Protein backbone atom coordinates (compact mmCIF):
# COMPACT_ATOMS: atom_id res chain seq x y z
CA MET A 1 32.74 -0.52 33.04
CA SER A 2 30.91 0.06 36.26
CA ARG A 3 27.59 -1.44 37.25
CA LYS A 4 25.90 1.97 37.08
CA ASP A 5 26.95 2.50 33.42
CA HIS A 6 25.64 -0.93 32.41
CA GLY A 7 22.23 -0.20 34.00
CA ALA A 8 21.96 3.15 32.22
CA SER A 9 22.72 1.65 28.79
CA THR A 10 20.17 -1.12 29.38
CA SER A 11 17.53 1.48 30.32
CA ILE A 12 18.26 3.47 27.18
CA ILE A 13 17.94 0.35 25.01
CA ILE A 14 14.62 -0.55 26.67
CA LEU A 15 13.31 3.00 26.09
CA ILE A 16 14.35 2.95 22.43
CA VAL A 17 12.72 -0.45 21.84
CA ALA A 18 9.53 0.68 23.60
CA PHE A 19 9.42 3.88 21.51
CA VAL A 20 9.93 2.01 18.22
CA LEU A 21 7.27 -0.52 19.20
CA ALA A 22 4.82 2.28 20.08
CA VAL A 23 5.44 3.96 16.70
CA VAL A 24 4.87 0.67 14.83
CA VAL A 25 1.62 0.02 16.73
CA ALA A 26 0.43 3.61 16.09
CA ILE A 27 1.13 3.30 12.36
CA PHE A 28 -0.70 -0.05 12.23
CA VAL A 29 -3.76 1.32 14.09
CA PHE A 30 -3.85 4.45 11.92
CA HIS A 31 -3.62 2.37 8.74
CA GLN A 32 -6.36 -0.03 9.89
CA HIS A 33 -8.64 2.86 10.87
CA ASN A 34 -8.24 4.54 7.48
CA THR A 35 -8.77 1.28 5.60
CA VAL A 36 -11.99 0.46 7.45
CA SER A 37 -13.60 3.87 7.87
CA ARG A 38 -12.70 5.70 4.70
CA PRO A 39 -14.75 4.96 1.61
CA ALA A 40 -12.89 4.25 -1.59
CA SER A 41 -12.31 7.35 -3.68
CA ALA A 42 -14.49 7.85 -6.67
CA GLY A 43 -13.16 5.86 -9.56
CA GLU A 44 -10.72 3.86 -7.43
CA GLY A 45 -10.79 0.24 -8.56
CA LYS A 46 -14.06 0.54 -10.42
CA PRO A 47 -15.03 1.68 -13.90
CA ALA A 48 -17.65 4.36 -14.52
CA MET A 49 -21.21 3.06 -14.56
CA SER A 50 -22.98 2.56 -17.86
CA ALA A 51 -26.47 3.88 -18.58
CA ALA A 52 -27.83 0.34 -18.03
CA GLN A 53 -26.21 0.14 -14.60
CA MET A 54 -27.57 3.56 -13.57
CA ALA A 55 -31.04 2.59 -14.78
CA TYR A 56 -30.87 -0.62 -12.72
CA LEU A 57 -30.19 1.11 -9.36
CA PRO A 58 -33.92 1.61 -8.55
CA SER A 59 -34.38 -2.19 -8.93
CA LEU A 60 -32.65 -2.69 -5.58
CA ALA A 61 -34.95 -2.44 -2.56
CA PHE A 62 -33.75 -2.06 1.03
CA ALA A 63 -35.91 -3.21 3.95
CA ASP A 64 -35.85 -4.22 7.62
CA LEU A 65 -33.32 -1.50 8.53
CA ARG A 66 -32.58 -1.73 12.27
CA MET A 67 -29.99 -0.04 14.43
CA SER A 68 -28.44 -1.72 17.47
CA ALA A 69 -25.43 -1.20 19.71
CA ALA A 70 -23.09 -3.35 21.76
CA VAL A 71 -19.93 -2.92 23.81
CA ASN A 72 -16.81 -4.49 22.32
CA PHE A 73 -14.03 -6.22 24.24
CA LEU A 74 -12.18 -2.89 24.65
CA GLY A 75 -15.18 -1.36 26.40
CA SER A 76 -16.18 1.03 23.63
CA SER A 77 -19.60 1.09 21.98
CA VAL A 78 -20.10 -0.31 18.49
CA THR A 79 -23.22 0.52 16.48
CA TYR A 80 -24.71 -1.84 13.90
CA LEU A 81 -27.05 -1.38 10.97
CA ASP A 82 -28.85 -4.57 10.01
CA GLY A 83 -31.02 -4.76 6.92
CA SER A 84 -31.74 -6.60 3.73
CA VAL A 85 -31.45 -5.84 0.03
CA THR A 86 -33.72 -7.39 -2.61
CA ASN A 87 -32.91 -7.55 -6.30
CA LYS A 88 -36.24 -6.73 -7.97
CA GLY A 89 -34.71 -6.54 -11.45
CA SER A 90 -33.87 -9.14 -14.08
CA LYS A 91 -30.05 -9.24 -13.79
CA ALA A 92 -27.69 -10.69 -11.21
CA VAL A 93 -25.81 -8.04 -9.18
CA ARG A 94 -22.21 -8.93 -8.39
CA ARG A 95 -21.07 -5.74 -6.62
CA LEU A 96 -23.09 -3.06 -4.81
CA GLU A 97 -22.08 0.17 -3.12
CA VAL A 98 -24.57 2.22 -1.10
CA GLU A 99 -24.49 5.63 0.53
CA LEU A 100 -25.80 5.78 4.11
CA ASN A 101 -26.97 9.16 5.40
CA PHE A 102 -27.53 9.58 9.14
CA VAL A 103 -29.44 12.69 10.21
CA ASP A 104 -30.06 14.72 13.37
CA VAL A 105 -33.42 15.79 14.83
CA LEU A 106 -33.53 18.67 12.31
CA ASN A 107 -33.10 16.18 9.44
CA GLN A 108 -29.61 17.49 8.62
CA VAL A 109 -27.00 14.94 7.55
CA VAL A 110 -24.51 14.41 10.39
CA LEU A 111 -22.74 11.34 8.98
CA ARG A 112 -22.38 10.00 5.44
CA GLU A 113 -20.80 6.59 4.98
CA THR A 114 -20.31 4.20 2.08
CA ALA A 115 -21.06 0.50 2.57
CA HIS A 116 -20.82 -2.67 0.48
CA PRO A 117 -23.76 -4.91 1.50
CA LEU A 118 -22.80 -7.73 -0.89
CA ALA A 119 -19.12 -7.83 0.08
CA ASP A 120 -19.41 -11.11 2.01
CA ARG A 121 -21.20 -13.01 -0.77
CA ALA A 122 -19.38 -15.52 -2.95
CA THR A 123 -22.17 -15.50 -5.55
CA PRO A 124 -24.05 -12.58 -7.17
CA LEU A 125 -27.45 -11.44 -5.89
CA GLN A 126 -29.81 -13.16 -8.30
CA PRO A 127 -33.09 -11.63 -9.58
CA GLY A 128 -35.77 -11.92 -6.90
CA GLU A 129 -33.24 -12.86 -4.22
CA THR A 130 -32.94 -11.09 -0.83
CA HIS A 131 -29.71 -10.84 1.14
CA ALA A 132 -29.35 -9.76 4.78
CA PHE A 133 -26.38 -7.53 5.63
CA ARG A 134 -24.75 -5.81 8.61
CA VAL A 135 -22.67 -2.64 8.64
CA THR A 136 -20.60 -1.74 11.71
CA PHE A 137 -19.81 1.78 12.95
CA GLU A 138 -17.31 2.50 15.70
CA HIS A 139 -18.03 6.21 16.11
CA MET A 140 -21.45 7.82 15.76
CA PRO A 141 -22.09 11.57 16.03
CA MET A 142 -23.58 12.76 19.32
CA ASP A 143 -26.40 14.62 17.53
CA TRP A 144 -27.51 11.62 15.44
CA ASN A 145 -31.26 11.02 15.91
CA GLN A 146 -30.82 7.25 16.61
CA ALA A 147 -32.87 6.28 13.53
CA PRO A 148 -31.64 4.05 10.69
CA PRO A 149 -29.99 5.97 7.85
CA SER A 150 -31.42 6.57 4.42
CA VAL A 151 -29.90 4.06 2.00
CA LYS A 152 -29.16 5.02 -1.58
CA PRO A 153 -27.50 2.64 -4.06
CA VAL A 154 -24.74 4.55 -5.88
CA TYR A 155 -22.78 1.87 -7.75
CA LEU A 156 -23.30 -1.66 -9.00
CA GLU A 157 -21.74 -4.22 -11.28
CA PHE A 158 -23.52 -7.06 -13.06
């Protein structure tokens, strides 16, 4: 075997390993992106809401909604929504899902996201209690009006 043949086979092996590694990284990034940015499908992992749960949704008040932005370590911009939710009802809320609607200057919805403001809590949101939350967005539409979104509770569990 000549020196030239050995160098060619080593180059081919390096190319194959680099290609496989690139495919694995691409699959990982795609999976992470879908897990973070896609809301759970309706009915996935949660039972239908009862009449009592639906009637309780207006008992949750959202306040202090503020938008901010920062640059992450990769150099891309990350947008944050900070706010608070208050339980004005008489029951503890264990799980909460909200719909966030971002609009443009014509008040047309340009982005609709689902968020879970109680996801980082170990204990339920008790009656009268207020909890601060933060939701992160990696990509915002160019025509978004820069205002905080409207927040609508769409699912809860006691």
